[in-house]
């Protein structure tokens, strides 16, 4: 849950919120930008920040 909370905080700071699915020993974050009709550069930046959290 610490990872999920850190992910939520990071996303909140960037004002860019993923859909999170939390299961036993797994968390999936899905980014999409409705206004862009898919993925934006910011989606990749935020996803990279989540990847960096996982490595801590």
Protein backbone atom coordinates (compact mmCIF):
# COMPACT_ATOMS: atom_id res chain seq x y z
CA UNK A 1 0.00 0.00 0.00
CA UNK A 2 2.96 2.32 0.51
CA UNK A 3 3.73 2.07 -3.21
CA UNK A 4 0.09 2.80 -4.12
CA UNK A 5 -0.01 5.82 -1.82
CA UNK A 6 3.30 7.12 -3.21
CA UNK A 7 1.94 6.67 -6.73
CA UNK A 8 -1.23 8.56 -5.82
CA UNK A 9 0.78 11.39 -4.24
CA UNK A 10 3.11 11.68 -7.24
CA UNK A 11 0.14 11.76 -9.60
CA UNK A 12 -1.64 14.33 -7.48
CA UNK A 13 1.42 16.62 -7.50
CA UNK A 14 1.52 16.45 -11.30
CA UNK A 15 -2.29 16.85 -11.54
CA UNK A 16 -2.31 13.85 -13.87
CA UNK A 17 -4.21 10.87 -12.47
CA UNK A 18 -3.99 7.28 -13.69
CA UNK A 19 -6.56 4.54 -13.29
CA UNK A 20 -5.12 2.31 -10.56
CA UNK A 21 -5.95 -1.37 -10.13
CA UNK A 22 -4.64 -2.87 -6.90
CA UNK A 23 -4.46 -6.62 -6.44
CA UNK A 24 -2.46 -8.90 -4.18
CA UNK A 25 1.22 -8.08 -4.90
CA UNK A 26 0.31 -6.08 -8.02
CA UNK A 27 -0.59 -2.50 -8.91
CA UNK A 28 -1.42 -1.49 -12.45
CA UNK A 29 -1.47 2.17 -13.45
CA UNK A 30 -3.10 3.15 -16.74
CA UNK A 31 -2.67 6.64 -18.14
CA UNK A 32 -4.72 8.12 -20.94
CA UNK A 33 -5.51 11.67 -21.97
CA UNK A 34 -9.09 12.03 -23.17
CA UNK A 35 -8.46 15.45 -24.71
CA UNK A 36 -5.63 13.98 -26.80
CA UNK A 37 -7.57 10.84 -27.72
CA UNK A 38 -4.81 8.62 -26.33
CA UNK A 39 -1.37 9.14 -24.87
CA UNK A 40 0.44 12.40 -24.30
CA UNK A 41 4.04 13.20 -23.46
CA UNK A 42 2.96 13.83 -19.87
CA UNK A 43 1.58 10.27 -19.66
CA UNK A 44 5.07 8.92 -20.31
CA UNK A 45 6.69 11.33 -17.87
CA UNK A 46 4.29 10.35 -15.09
CA UNK A 47 4.69 6.65 -15.87
CA UNK A 48 8.48 7.03 -15.63
CA UNK A 49 8.08 8.63 -12.19
CA UNK A 50 6.02 5.64 -11.05
CA UNK A 51 8.67 3.26 -12.40
CA UNK A 52 11.28 5.18 -10.40
CA UNK A 53 9.18 4.78 -7.23
CA UNK A 54 9.13 1.02 -7.73
CA UNK A 55 12.93 0.95 -7.69
CA UNK A 56 13.21 2.64 -4.27
